[in-house]
Amino acid sequence: MTDEKEMKIQTNKYQKLLEDLKAEEILLPEKFAVGVLIEKLPDSWIDYKNNLKHKQKTFTNEELMTHILIEDTNRKEFAKEMALKANLVQSNNKRLSCCSVQV
Protein backbone atom coordinates (compact mmCIF):
# COMPACT_ATOMS: atom_id res chain seq x y z
CA MET A 1 0.00 0.00 0.00
CA THR A 2 1.13 3.53 -0.67
CA ASP A 3 0.27 7.02 0.49
CA GLU A 4 -0.20 8.15 -3.12
CA LYS A 5 -3.32 6.06 -3.74
CA GLU A 6 -6.67 6.32 -1.99
CA MET A 7 -6.77 4.00 1.02
CA LYS A 8 -10.34 2.98 0.25
CA ILE A 9 -9.35 1.80 -3.23
CA GLN A 10 -6.41 -0.15 -1.84
CA THR A 11 -8.44 -1.85 0.87
CA ASN A 12 -11.14 -2.71 -1.69
CA LYS A 13 -8.49 -4.34 -3.90
CA TYR A 14 -7.29 -6.36 -0.92
CA GLN A 15 -10.85 -7.43 -0.12
CA LYS A 16 -11.35 -8.44 -3.77
CA LEU A 17 -8.14 -10.48 -3.65
CA LEU A 18 -9.39 -12.33 -0.56
CA GLU A 19 -12.73 -12.98 -2.27
CA ASP A 20 -10.96 -14.28 -5.40
CA LEU A 21 -8.88 -16.65 -3.27
CA LYS A 22 -12.01 -17.84 -1.51
CA ALA A 23 -13.70 -18.46 -4.87
CA GLU A 24 -10.74 -20.65 -5.82
CA GLU A 25 -11.21 -22.50 -2.51
CA ILE A 26 -7.99 -21.09 -1.10
CA LEU A 27 -8.94 -20.19 2.44
CA LEU A 28 -6.66 -18.03 4.53
CA PRO A 29 -7.07 -17.91 8.29
CA GLU A 30 -8.71 -14.61 9.32
CA LYS A 31 -5.83 -13.72 11.67
CA PHE A 32 -3.35 -14.22 8.84
CA ALA A 33 -5.33 -12.05 6.40
CA VAL A 34 -5.68 -9.31 9.03
CA GLY A 35 -1.95 -9.49 9.84
CA VAL A 36 -1.03 -9.18 6.17
CA LEU A 37 -3.25 -6.12 5.79
CA ILE A 38 -1.66 -4.48 8.83
CA GLU A 39 1.83 -5.17 7.47
CA LYS A 40 0.91 -3.77 4.06
CA LEU A 41 -0.02 -0.35 5.46
CA PRO A 42 2.28 2.45 4.25
CA ASP A 43 5.46 3.24 6.17
CA SER A 44 3.99 6.60 7.20
CA TRP A 45 1.43 4.62 9.25
CA ILE A 46 4.11 2.97 11.43
CA ASP A 47 2.65 4.22 14.73
CA TYR A 48 -0.81 3.04 13.74
CA LYS A 49 0.58 -0.34 12.63
CA ASN A 50 2.39 -0.81 15.93
CA ASN A 51 -0.72 0.17 17.86
CA LEU A 52 -2.80 -2.42 16.00
CA LYS A 53 -0.19 -5.13 16.49
CA HIS A 54 -0.12 -4.63 20.25
CA LYS A 55 -3.88 -4.53 20.81
CA GLN A 56 -5.29 -7.47 22.73
CA LYS A 57 -8.42 -7.53 20.58
CA THR A 58 -8.30 -9.45 17.34
CA PHE A 59 -10.06 -7.82 14.42
CA THR A 60 -11.98 -9.33 11.56
CA ASN A 61 -11.13 -8.12 8.06
CA GLU A 62 -14.23 -5.94 7.99
CA GLU A 63 -13.50 -4.39 11.39
CA LEU A 64 -9.91 -3.68 10.42
CA MET A 65 -10.90 -2.11 7.13
CA THR A 66 -13.38 0.11 8.95
CA HIS A 67 -10.65 1.17 11.40
CA ILE A 68 -8.24 1.87 8.54
CA LEU A 69 -10.76 4.01 6.66
CA ILE A 70 -11.56 5.98 9.82
CA GLU A 71 -7.85 6.52 10.45
CA ASP A 72 -7.37 7.61 6.84
CA THR A 73 -10.22 10.13 7.17
CA ASN A 74 -8.73 11.46 10.41
CA ARG A 75 -5.29 11.82 8.82
CA LYS A 76 -6.74 13.75 5.88
CA GLU A 77 -8.64 16.10 8.21
CA PHE A 78 -5.50 16.67 10.29
CA ALA A 79 -3.49 17.42 7.14
CA LYS A 80 -6.12 19.97 6.05
CA GLU A 81 -6.04 21.65 9.47
CA MET A 82 -2.26 21.83 9.42
CA ALA A 83 -2.29 23.31 5.91
CA LEU A 84 -4.81 25.96 6.99
CA LYS A 85 -2.70 26.84 10.03
CA ALA A 86 0.42 27.06 7.88
CA ASN A 87 -1.35 29.38 5.45
CA LEU A 88 -2.61 31.51 8.33
CA VAL A 89 0.88 31.87 9.80
CA GLN A 90 2.31 32.63 6.38
CA SER A 91 -0.30 35.31 5.64
CA ASN A 92 0.18 36.85 9.10
CA ASN A 93 3.93 37.07 8.50
CA LYS A 94 3.37 38.80 5.15
CA ARG A 95 1.09 41.37 6.79
CA LEU A 96 3.65 42.04 9.50
CA SER A 97 6.52 42.42 7.06
CA CYS A 98 4.65 44.88 4.83
CA CYS A 99 3.61 47.00 7.79
CA SER A 100 6.90 47.03 9.68
CA VAL A 101 8.81 50.27 9.86
CA GLN A 102 12.50 50.21 9.10
CA VAL A 103 14.68 52.54 11.08
PDB file of N, CA and C in Angstrom:
ATOM      1  N   MET A   1       0.844  -1.176   0.000  1.00  0.00           N
ATOM      2  CA  MET A   1       0.000   0.000   0.000  1.00  0.00           C
ATOM      3  C   MET A   1       0.890   1.240   0.000  1.00  0.00           C
ATOM      4  N   THR A   2       0.368   2.289  -0.584  1.00  0.00           N
ATOM      5  CA  THR A   2       1.130   3.528  -0.666  1.00  0.00           C
ATOM      6  C   THR A   2       0.277   4.706  -0.217  1.00  0.00           C
ATOM      7  N   ASP A   3       0.959   5.795   0.101  1.00  0.00           N
ATOM      8  CA  ASP A   3       0.267   7.023   0.486  1.00  0.00           C
ATOM      9  C   ASP A   3      -0.317   7.735  -0.732  1.00  0.00           C
ATOM     10  N   GLU A   4       0.224   7.439  -1.920  1.00  0.00           N
ATOM     11  CA  GLU A   4      -0.199   8.148  -3.121  1.00  0.00           C
ATOM     12  C   GLU A   4      -1.601   7.754  -3.581  1.00  0.00           C
ATOM     13  N   LYS A   5      -2.009   6.541  -3.296  1.00  0.00           N
ATOM     14  CA  LYS A   5      -3.321   6.061  -3.744  1.00  0.00           C
ATOM     15  C   LYS A   5      -4.329   6.150  -2.611  1.00  0.00           C
ATOM     16  N   GLU A   6      -5.596   6.275  -2.983  1.00  0.00           N
ATOM     17  CA  GLU A   6      -6.672   6.321  -1.986  1.00  0.00           C
ATOM     18  C   GLU A   6      -6.686   5.030  -1.174  1.00  0.00           C
ATOM     19  N   MET A   7      -6.778   5.168   0.141  1.00  0.00           N
ATOM     20  CA  MET A   7      -6.774   4.005   1.019  1.00  0.00           C
ATOM     21  C   MET A   7      -8.001   3.125   0.771  1.00  0.00           C
ATOM     22  N   LYS A   8      -9.122   3.750   0.490  1.00  0.00           N
ATOM     23  CA  LYS A   8     -10.344   2.978   0.248  1.00  0.00           C
ATOM     24  C   LYS A   8     -10.177   2.075  -0.972  1.00  0.00           C
ATOM     25  N   ILE A   9      -9.579   2.595  -2.022  1.00  0.00           N
ATOM     26  CA  ILE A   9      -9.351   1.800  -3.234  1.00  0.00           C
ATOM     27  C   ILE A   9      -8.417   0.633  -2.931  1.00  0.00           C
ATOM     28  N   GLN A  10      -7.369   0.906  -2.164  1.00  0.00           N
ATOM     29  CA  GLN A  10      -6.406  -0.147  -1.844  1.00  0.00           C
ATOM     30  C   GLN A  10      -7.017  -1.237  -0.960  1.00  0.00           C
ATOM     31  N   THR A  11      -7.816  -0.842   0.016  1.00  0.00           N
ATOM     32  CA  THR A  11      -8.443  -1.854   0.871  1.00  0.00           C
ATOM     33  C   THR A  11      -9.488  -2.643   0.088  1.00  0.00           C
ATOM     34  N   ASN A  12     -10.179  -1.988  -0.843  1.00  0.00           N
ATOM     35  CA  ASN A  12     -11.142  -2.706  -1.687  1.00  0.00           C
ATOM     36  C   ASN A  12     -10.442  -3.738  -2.571  1.00  0.00           C
ATOM     37  N   LYS A  13      -9.264  -3.380  -3.092  1.00  0.00           N
ATOM     38  CA  LYS A  13      -8.495  -4.337  -3.895  1.00  0.00           C
ATOM     39  C   LYS A  13      -8.084  -5.540  -3.048  1.00  0.00           C
ATOM     40  N   TYR A  14      -7.682  -5.269  -1.817  1.00  0.00           N
ATOM     41  CA  TYR A  14      -7.287  -6.357  -0.919  1.00  0.00           C
ATOM     42  C   TYR A  14      -8.486  -7.259  -0.633  1.00  0.00           C
ATOM     43  N   GLN A  15      -9.633  -6.660  -0.376  1.00  0.00           N
ATOM     44  CA  GLN A  15     -10.853  -7.430  -0.120  1.00  0.00           C
ATOM     45  C   GLN A  15     -11.205  -8.276  -1.342  1.00  0.00           C
ATOM     46  N   LYS A  16     -11.070  -7.704  -2.525  1.00  0.00           N
ATOM     47  CA  LYS A  16     -11.345  -8.440  -3.770  1.00  0.00           C
ATOM     48  C   LYS A  16     -10.386  -9.612  -3.920  1.00  0.00           C
ATOM     49  N   LEU A  17      -9.128  -9.400  -3.589  1.00  0.00           N
ATOM     50  CA  LEU A  17      -8.141 -10.477  -3.649  1.00  0.00           C
ATOM     51  C   LEU A  17      -8.538 -11.629  -2.730  1.00  0.00           C
ATOM     52  N   LEU A  18      -8.958 -11.299  -1.509  1.00  0.00           N
ATOM     53  CA  LEU A  18      -9.391 -12.333  -0.564  1.00  0.00           C
ATOM     54  C   LEU A  18     -10.609 -13.081  -1.093  1.00  0.00           C
ATOM     55  N   GLU A  19     -11.533 -12.342  -1.701  1.00  0.00           N
ATOM     56  CA  GLU A  19     -12.726 -12.982  -2.272  1.00  0.00           C
ATOM     57  C   GLU A  19     -12.364 -13.888  -3.449  1.00  0.00           C
ATOM     58  N   ASP A  20     -11.412 -13.449  -4.270  1.00  0.00           N
ATOM     59  CA  ASP A  20     -10.965 -14.277  -5.396  1.00  0.00           C
ATOM     60  C   ASP A  20     -10.312 -15.566  -4.899  1.00  0.00           C
ATOM     61  N   LEU A  21      -9.504 -15.452  -3.855  1.00  0.00           N
ATOM     62  CA  LEU A  21      -8.883 -16.649  -3.275  1.00  0.00           C
ATOM     63  C   LEU A  21      -9.942 -17.600  -2.735  1.00  0.00           C
ATOM     64  N   LYS A  22     -10.931 -17.027  -2.072  1.00  0.00           N
ATOM     65  CA  LYS A  22     -12.015 -17.839  -1.514  1.00  0.00           C
ATOM     66  C   LYS A  22     -12.783 -18.551  -2.630  1.00  0.00           C
ATOM     67  N   ALA A  23     -12.997 -17.858  -3.738  1.00  0.00           N
ATOM     68  CA  ALA A  23     -13.700 -18.460  -4.875  1.00  0.00           C
ATOM     69  C   ALA A  23     -12.913 -19.633  -5.459  1.00  0.00           C
ATOM     70  N   GLU A  24     -11.596 -19.564  -5.350  1.00  0.00           N
ATOM     71  CA  GLU A  24     -10.737 -20.651  -5.820  1.00  0.00           C
ATOM     72  C   GLU A  24     -10.523 -21.708  -4.736  1.00  0.00           C
ATOM     73  N   GLU A  25     -11.279 -21.586  -3.655  1.00  0.00           N
ATOM     74  CA  GLU A  25     -11.212 -22.499  -2.510  1.00  0.00           C
ATOM     75  C   GLU A  25      -9.847 -22.483  -1.825  1.00  0.00           C
ATOM     76  N   ILE A  26      -9.223 -21.311  -1.846  1.00  0.00           N
ATOM     77  CA  ILE A  26      -7.986 -21.088  -1.100  1.00  0.00           C
ATOM     78  C   ILE A  26      -8.373 -20.242   0.102  1.00  0.00           C
ATOM     79  N   LEU A  27      -8.481 -20.877   1.237  1.00  0.00           N
ATOM     80  CA  LEU A  27      -8.944 -20.187   2.438  1.00  0.00           C
ATOM     81  C   LEU A  27      -7.758 -19.802   3.313  1.00  0.00           C
ATOM     82  N   LEU A  28      -7.686 -18.533   3.619  1.00  0.00           N
ATOM     83  CA  LEU A  28      -6.656 -18.033   4.528  1.00  0.00           C
ATOM     84  C   LEU A  28      -7.278 -17.837   5.899  1.00  0.00           C
ATOM     85  N   PRO A  29      -6.548 -18.195   6.950  1.00  0.00           N
ATOM     86  CA  PRO A  29      -7.075 -17.907   8.290  1.00  0.00           C
ATOM     87  C   PRO A  29      -7.285 -16.398   8.454  1.00  0.00           C
ATOM     88  N   GLU A  30      -8.359 -16.037   9.139  1.00  0.00           N
ATOM     89  CA  GLU A  30      -8.708 -14.613   9.318  1.00  0.00           C
ATOM     90  C   GLU A  30      -7.560 -13.842   9.966  1.00  0.00           C
ATOM     91  N   LYS A  31      -6.935 -14.414  10.996  1.00  0.00           N
ATOM     92  CA  LYS A  31      -5.826 -13.721  11.668  1.00  0.00           C
ATOM     93  C   LYS A  31      -4.684 -13.444  10.695  1.00  0.00           C
ATOM     94  N   PHE A  32      -4.422 -14.395   9.820  1.00  0.00           N
ATOM     95  CA  PHE A  32      -3.353 -14.220   8.839  1.00  0.00           C
ATOM     96  C   PHE A  32      -3.691 -13.080   7.878  1.00  0.00           C
ATOM     97  N   ALA A  33      -4.902 -13.086   7.346  1.00  0.00           N
ATOM     98  CA  ALA A  33      -5.331 -12.052   6.399  1.00  0.00           C
ATOM     99  C   ALA A  33      -5.290 -10.669   7.045  1.00  0.00           C
ATOM    100  N   VAL A  34      -5.709 -10.586   8.305  1.00  0.00           N
ATOM    101  CA  VAL A  34      -5.675  -9.314   9.034  1.00  0.00           C
ATOM    102  C   VAL A  34      -4.228  -8.870   9.242  1.00  0.00           C
ATOM    103  N   GLY A  35      -3.360  -9.803   9.627  1.00  0.00           N
ATOM    104  CA  GLY A  35      -1.948  -9.487   9.836  1.00  0.00           C
ATOM    105  C   GLY A  35      -1.273  -8.990   8.573  1.00  0.00           C
ATOM    106  N   VAL A  36      -1.597  -9.608   7.450  1.00  0.00           N
ATOM    107  CA  VAL A  36      -1.029  -9.176   6.168  1.00  0.00           C
ATOM    108  C   VAL A  36      -1.475  -7.754   5.851  1.00  0.00           C
ATOM    109  N   LEU A  37      -2.742  -7.467   6.057  1.00  0.00           N
ATOM    110  CA  LEU A  37      -3.254  -6.118   5.785  1.00  0.00           C
ATOM    111  C   LEU A  37      -2.558  -5.082   6.667  1.00  0.00           C
ATOM    112  N   ILE A  38      -2.363  -5.408   7.928  1.00  0.00           N
ATOM    113  CA  ILE A  38      -1.661  -4.481   8.833  1.00  0.00           C
ATOM    114  C   ILE A  38      -0.240  -4.243   8.333  1.00  0.00           C
ATOM    115  N   GLU A  39       0.449  -5.303   7.951  1.00  0.00           N
ATOM    116  CA  GLU A  39       1.829  -5.174   7.473  1.00  0.00           C
ATOM    117  C   GLU A  39       1.929  -4.400   6.166  1.00  0.00           C
ATOM    118  N   LYS A  40       0.894  -4.441   5.352  1.00  0.00           N
ATOM    119  CA  LYS A  40       0.912  -3.768   4.062  1.00  0.00           C
ATOM    120  C   LYS A  40       0.615  -2.272   4.155  1.00  0.00           C
ATOM    121  N   LEU A  41       0.238  -1.787   5.321  1.00  0.00           N
ATOM    122  CA  LEU A  41      -0.023  -0.350   5.461  1.00  0.00           C
ATOM    123  C   LEU A  41       1.245   0.437   5.133  1.00  0.00           C
ATOM    124  N   PRO A  42       1.106   1.650   4.623  1.00  0.00           N
ATOM    125  CA  PRO A  42       2.277   2.453   4.246  1.00  0.00           C
ATOM    126  C   PRO A  42       3.203   2.715   5.433  1.00  0.00           C
ATOM    127  N   ASP A  43       4.466   2.975   5.127  1.00  0.00           N
ATOM    128  CA  ASP A  43       5.460   3.245   6.170  1.00  0.00           C
ATOM    129  C   ASP A  43       5.091   4.457   7.018  1.00  0.00           C
ATOM    130  N   SER A  44       4.378   5.408   6.440  1.00  0.00           N
ATOM    131  CA  SER A  44       3.986   6.597   7.200  1.00  0.00           C
ATOM    132  C   SER A  44       2.968   6.264   8.291  1.00  0.00           C
ATOM    133  N   TRP A  45       2.417   5.066   8.264  1.00  0.00           N
ATOM    134  CA  TRP A  45       1.434   4.621   9.247  1.00  0.00           C
ATOM    135  C   TRP A  45       2.088   3.766  10.331  1.00  0.00           C
ATOM    136  N   ILE A  46       3.381   3.865  10.526  1.00  0.00           N
ATOM    137  CA  ILE A  46       4.112   2.975  11.434  1.00  0.00           C
ATOM    138  C   ILE A  46       3.542   2.985  12.851  1.00  0.00           C
ATOM    139  N   ASP A  47       3.206   4.156  13.376  1.00  0.00           N
ATOM    140  CA  ASP A  47       2.649   4.219  14.734  1.00  0.00           C
ATOM    141  C   ASP A  47       1.305   3.506  14.802  1.00  0.00           C
ATOM    142  N   TYR A  48       0.493   3.694  13.794  1.00  0.00           N
ATOM    143  CA  TYR A  48      -0.813   3.035  13.743  1.00  0.00           C
ATOM    144  C   TYR A  48      -0.638   1.523  13.629  1.00  0.00           C
ATOM    145  N   LYS A  49       0.306   1.090  12.789  1.00  0.00           N
ATOM    146  CA  LYS A  49       0.577  -0.341  12.632  1.00  0.00           C
ATOM    147  C   LYS A  49       0.998  -0.956  13.965  1.00  0.00           C
ATOM    148  N   ASN A  50       1.919  -0.294  14.641  1.00  0.00           N
ATOM    149  CA  ASN A  50       2.387  -0.814  15.932  1.00  0.00           C
ATOM    150  C   ASN A  50       1.260  -0.863  16.950  1.00  0.00           C
ATOM    151  N   ASN A  51       0.422   0.141  16.950  1.00  0.00           N
ATOM    152  CA  ASN A  51      -0.721   0.172  17.861  1.00  0.00           C
ATOM    153  C   ASN A  51      -1.645  -1.015  17.602  1.00  0.00           C
ATOM    154  N   LEU A  52      -1.934  -1.286  16.338  1.00  0.00           N
ATOM    155  CA  LEU A  52      -2.802  -2.416  15.997  1.00  0.00           C
ATOM    156  C   LEU A  52      -2.177  -3.750  16.386  1.00  0.00           C
ATOM    157  N   LYS A  53      -0.877  -3.871  16.183  1.00  0.00           N
ATOM    158  CA  LYS A  53      -0.194  -5.132  16.493  1.00  0.00           C
ATOM    159  C   LYS A  53      -0.225  -5.446  17.979  1.00  0.00           C
ATOM    160  N   HIS A  54      -0.212  -4.421  18.811  1.00  0.00           N
ATOM    161  CA  HIS A  54      -0.125  -4.628  20.254  1.00  0.00           C
ATOM    162  C   HIS A  54      -1.475  -4.640  20.952  1.00  0.00           C
ATOM    163  N   LYS A  55      -2.542  -4.457  20.203  1.00  0.00           N
ATOM    164  CA  LYS A  55      -3.878  -4.526  20.815  1.00  0.00           C
ATOM    165  C   LYS A  55      -4.194  -5.963  21.183  1.00  0.00           C
ATOM    166  N   GLN A  56      -4.891  -6.131  22.292  1.00  0.00           N
ATOM    167  CA  GLN A  56      -5.295  -7.465  22.725  1.00  0.00           C
ATOM    168  C   GLN A  56      -6.419  -8.010  21.857  1.00  0.00           C
ATOM    169  N   LYS A  57      -7.259  -7.113  21.368  1.00  0.00           N
ATOM    170  CA  LYS A  57      -8.423  -7.532  20.583  1.00  0.00           C
ATOM    171  C   LYS A  57      -7.983  -7.957  19.185  1.00  0.00           C
ATOM    172  N   THR A  58      -8.551  -9.051  18.716  1.00  0.00           N
ATOM    173  CA  THR A  58      -8.300  -9.448  17.337  1.00  0.00           C
ATOM    174  C   THR A  58      -9.441  -8.926  16.472  1.00  0.00           C
ATOM    175  N   PHE A  59      -9.087  -8.409  15.325  1.00  0.00           N
ATOM    176  CA  PHE A  59     -10.058  -7.819  14.416  1.00  0.00           C
ATOM    177  C   PHE A  59     -10.417  -8.796  13.303  1.00  0.00           C
ATOM    178  N   THR A  60     -11.628  -8.662  12.802  1.00  0.00           N
ATOM    179  CA  THR A  60     -11.983  -9.333  11.556  1.00  0.00           C
ATOM    180  C   THR A  60     -11.511  -8.427  10.422  1.00  0.00           C
ATOM    181  N   ASN A  61     -11.510  -8.947   9.210  1.00  0.00           N
ATOM    182  CA  ASN A  61     -11.129  -8.119   8.060  1.00  0.00           C
ATOM    183  C   ASN A  61     -12.009  -6.885   7.951  1.00  0.00           C
ATOM    184  N   GLU A  62     -13.302  -7.070   8.122  1.00  0.00           N
ATOM    185  CA  GLU A  62     -14.233  -5.945   7.990  1.00  0.00           C
ATOM    186  C   GLU A  62     -13.982  -4.890   9.063  1.00  0.00           C
ATOM    187  N   GLU A  63     -13.766  -5.339  10.301  1.00  0.00           N
ATOM    188  CA  GLU A  63     -13.498  -4.387  11.393  1.00  0.00           C
ATOM    189  C   GLU A  63     -12.211  -3.622  11.128  1.00  0.00           C
ATOM    190  N   LEU A  64     -11.185  -4.332  10.685  1.00  0.00           N
ATOM    191  CA  LEU A  64      -9.908  -3.678  10.425  1.00  0.00           C
ATOM    192  C   LEU A  64     -10.032  -2.665   9.290  1.00  0.00           C
ATOM    193  N   MET A  65     -10.727  -3.038   8.246  1.00  0.00           N
ATOM    194  CA  MET A  65     -10.898  -2.106   7.126  1.00  0.00           C
ATOM    195  C   MET A  65     -11.664  -0.863   7.560  1.00  0.00           C
ATOM    196  N   THR A  66     -12.653  -1.043   8.412  1.00  0.00           N
ATOM    197  CA  THR A  66     -13.384   0.108   8.955  1.00  0.00           C
ATOM    198  C   THR A  66     -12.443   1.002   9.753  1.00  0.00           C
ATOM    199  N   HIS A  67     -11.616   0.400  10.612  1.00  0.00           N
ATOM    200  CA  HIS A  67     -10.650   1.167  11.403  1.00  0.00           C
ATOM    201  C   HIS A  67      -9.676   1.919  10.495  1.00  0.00           C
ATOM    202  N   ILE A  68      -9.196   1.246   9.459  1.00  0.00           N
ATOM    203  CA  ILE A  68      -8.241   1.870   8.544  1.00  0.00           C
ATOM    204  C   ILE A  68      -8.876   3.057   7.823  1.00  0.00           C
ATOM    205  N   LEU A  69     -10.094   2.904   7.369  1.00  0.00           N
ATOM    206  CA  LEU A  69     -10.758   4.007   6.660  1.00  0.00           C
ATOM    207  C   LEU A  69     -11.032   5.187   7.586  1.00  0.00           C
ATOM    208  N   ILE A  70     -11.372   4.909   8.834  1.00  0.00           N
ATOM    209  CA  ILE A  70     -11.562   5.984   9.816  1.00  0.00           C
ATOM    210  C   ILE A  70     -10.239   6.694  10.066  1.00  0.00           C
ATOM    211  N   GLU A  71      -9.169   5.930  10.238  1.00  0.00           N
ATOM    212  CA  GLU A  71      -7.846   6.521  10.451  1.00  0.00           C
ATOM    213  C   GLU A  71      -7.440   7.364   9.244  1.00  0.00           C
ATOM    214  N   ASP A  72      -7.703   6.871   8.056  1.00  0.00           N
ATOM    215  CA  ASP A  72      -7.374   7.608   6.839  1.00  0.00           C
ATOM    216  C   ASP A  72      -8.128   8.937   6.796  1.00  0.00           C
ATOM    217  N   THR A  73      -9.410   8.908   7.131  1.00  0.00           N
ATOM    218  CA  THR A  73     -10.217  10.133   7.169  1.00  0.00           C
ATOM    219  C   THR A  73      -9.656  11.109   8.197  1.00  0.00           C
ATOM    220  N   ASN A  74      -9.299  10.608   9.371  1.00  0.00           N
ATOM    221  CA  ASN A  74      -8.728  11.465  10.414  1.00  0.00           C
ATOM    222  C   ASN A  74      -7.409  12.079   9.968  1.00  0.00           C
ATOM    223  N   ARG A  75      -6.574  11.302   9.299  1.00  0.00           N
ATOM    224  CA  ARG A  75      -5.294  11.817   8.818  1.00  0.00           C
ATOM    225  C   ARG A  75      -5.497  12.917   7.777  1.00  0.00           C
ATOM    226  N   LYS A  76      -6.463  12.728   6.896  1.00  0.00           N
ATOM    227  CA  LYS A  76      -6.741  13.747   5.880  1.00  0.00           C
ATOM    228  C   LYS A  76      -7.245  15.032   6.524  1.00  0.00           C
ATOM    229  N   GLU A  77      -8.124  14.919   7.506  1.00  0.00           N
ATOM    230  CA  GLU A  77      -8.637  16.102   8.208  1.00  0.00           C
ATOM    231  C   GLU A  77      -7.507  16.829   8.934  1.00  0.00           C
ATOM    232  N   PHE A  78      -6.628  16.075   9.578  1.00  0.00           N
ATOM    233  CA  PHE A  78      -5.499  16.669  10.289  1.00  0.00           C
ATOM    234  C   PHE A  78      -4.584  17.401   9.306  1.00  0.00           C
ATOM    235  N   ALA A  79      -4.341  16.786   8.155  1.00  0.00           N
ATOM    236  CA  ALA A  79      -3.492  17.421   7.144  1.00  0.00           C
ATOM    237  C   ALA A  79      -4.117  18.727   6.655  1.00  0.00           C
ATOM    238  N   LYS A  80      -5.430  18.740   6.474  1.00  0.00           N
ATOM    239  CA  LYS A  80      -6.118  19.969   6.055  1.00  0.00           C
ATOM    240  C   LYS A  80      -5.967  21.057   7.110  1.00  0.00           C
ATOM    241  N   GLU A  81      -6.168  20.677   8.376  1.00  0.00           N
ATOM    242  CA  GLU A  81      -6.045  21.649   9.466  1.00  0.00           C
ATOM    243  C   GLU A  81      -4.638  22.221   9.521  1.00  0.00           C
ATOM    244  N   MET A  82      -3.645  21.360   9.363  1.00  0.00           N
ATOM    245  CA  MET A  82      -2.261  21.826   9.415  1.00  0.00           C
ATOM    246  C   MET A  82      -1.965  22.758   8.240  1.00  0.00           C
ATOM    247  N   ALA A  83      -2.503  22.455   7.072  1.00  0.00           N
ATOM    248  CA  ALA A  83      -2.294  23.312   5.906  1.00  0.00           C
ATOM    249  C   ALA A  83      -2.946  24.677   6.126  1.00  0.00           C
ATOM    250  N   LEU A  84      -4.135  24.684   6.709  1.00  0.00           N
ATOM    251  CA  LEU A  84      -4.808  25.955   6.987  1.00  0.00           C
ATOM    252  C   LEU A  84      -4.020  26.781   7.998  1.00  0.00           C
ATOM    253  N   LYS A  85      -3.497  26.122   9.027  1.00  0.00           N
ATOM    254  CA  LYS A  85      -2.702  26.839  10.028  1.00  0.00           C
ATOM    255  C   LYS A  85      -1.424  27.382   9.407  1.00  0.00           C
ATOM    256  N   ALA A  86      -0.802  26.602   8.541  1.00  0.00           N
ATOM    257  CA  ALA A  86       0.423  27.056   7.880  1.00  0.00           C
ATOM    258  C   ALA A  86       0.131  28.266   7.005  1.00  0.00           C
ATOM    259  N   ASN A  87      -0.975  28.236   6.285  1.00  0.00           N
ATOM    260  CA  ASN A  87      -1.348  29.379   5.448  1.00  0.00           C
ATOM    261  C   ASN A  87      -1.656  30.599   6.298  1.00  0.00           C
ATOM    262  N   LEU A  88      -2.289  30.401   7.438  1.00  0.00           N
ATOM    263  CA  LEU A  88      -2.610  31.506   8.330  1.00  0.00           C
ATOM    264  C   LEU A  88      -1.334  32.149   8.852  1.00  0.00           C
ATOM    265  N   VAL A  89      -0.392  31.343   9.292  1.00  0.00           N
ATOM    266  CA  VAL A  89       0.880  31.868   9.797  1.00  0.00           C
ATOM    267  C   VAL A  89       1.612  32.591   8.681  1.00  0.00           C
ATOM    268  N   GLN A  90       1.626  32.014   7.511  1.00  0.00           N
ATOM    269  CA  GLN A  90       2.311  32.629   6.383  1.00  0.00           C
ATOM    270  C   GLN A  90       1.671  33.968   6.023  1.00  0.00           C
ATOM    271  N   SER A  91       0.356  34.042   5.988  1.00  0.00           N
ATOM    272  CA  SER A  91      -0.299  35.306   5.638  1.00  0.00           C
ATOM    273  C   SER A  91      -0.105  36.341   6.744  1.00  0.00           C
ATOM    274  N   ASN A  92      -0.076  35.917   8.007  1.00  0.00           N
ATOM    275  CA  ASN A  92       0.181  36.851   9.105  1.00  0.00           C
ATOM    276  C   ASN A  92       1.590  37.415   9.001  1.00  0.00           C
ATOM    277  N   ASN A  93       2.555  36.595   8.652  1.00  0.00           N
ATOM    278  CA  ASN A  93       3.933  37.067   8.504  1.00  0.00           C
ATOM    279  C   ASN A  93       4.049  38.067   7.357  1.00  0.00           C
ATOM    280  N   LYS A  94       3.328  37.860   6.274  1.00  0.00           N
ATOM    281  CA  LYS A  94       3.365  38.796   5.150  1.00  0.00           C
ATOM    282  C   LYS A  94       2.796  40.143   5.559  1.00  0.00           C
ATOM    283  N   ARG A  95       1.698  40.115   6.333  1.00  0.00           N
ATOM    284  CA  ARG A  95       1.094  41.371   6.786  1.00  0.00           C
ATOM    285  C   ARG A  95       2.052  42.121   7.709  1.00  0.00           C
ATOM    286  N   LEU A  96       2.720  41.399   8.585  1.00  0.00           N
ATOM    287  CA  LEU A  96       3.651  42.041   9.505  1.00  0.00           C
ATOM    288  C   LEU A  96       4.834  42.632   8.758  1.00  0.00           C
ATOM    289  N   SER A  97       5.348  41.926   7.764  1.00  0.00           N
ATOM    290  CA  SER A  97       6.524  42.423   7.056  1.00  0.00           C
ATOM    291  C   SER A  97       6.202  43.650   6.202  1.00  0.00           C
ATOM    292  N   CYS A  98       4.992  43.714   5.654  1.00  0.00           N
ATOM    293  CA  CYS A  98       4.650  44.875   4.826  1.00  0.00           C
ATOM    294  C   CYS A  98       4.357  46.097   5.690  1.00  0.00           C
ATOM    295  N   CYS A  99       3.987  45.890   6.923  1.00  0.00           N
ATOM    296  CA  CYS A  99       3.612  47.002   7.789  1.00  0.00           C
ATOM    297  C   CYS A  99       4.736  47.424   8.728  1.00  0.00           C
ATOM    298  N   SER A 100       5.831  46.697   8.733  1.00  0.00           N
ATOM    299  CA  SER A 100       6.897  47.034   9.678  1.00  0.00           C
ATOM    300  C   SER A 100       7.654  48.269   9.193  1.00  0.00           C
ATOM    301  N   VAL A 101       8.106  49.031  10.148  1.00  0.00           N
ATOM    302  CA  VAL A 101       8.813  50.269   9.855  1.00  0.00           C
ATOM    303  C   VAL A 101      10.298  50.014  10.028  1.00  0.00           C
ATOM    304  N   GLN A 102      11.060  50.378   8.999  1.00  0.00           N
ATOM    305  CA  GLN A 102      12.501  50.212   9.100  1.00  0.00           C
ATOM    306  C   GLN A 102      13.106  51.510   9.588  1.00  0.00           C
ATOM    307  N   VAL A 103      14.063  51.363  10.496  1.00  0.00           N
ATOM    308  CA  VAL A 103      14.678  52.544  11.078  1.00  0.00           C
ATOM    309  C   VAL A 103      16.085  52.688  10.600  1.00  0.00           C
TER     310      VAL A 103
END
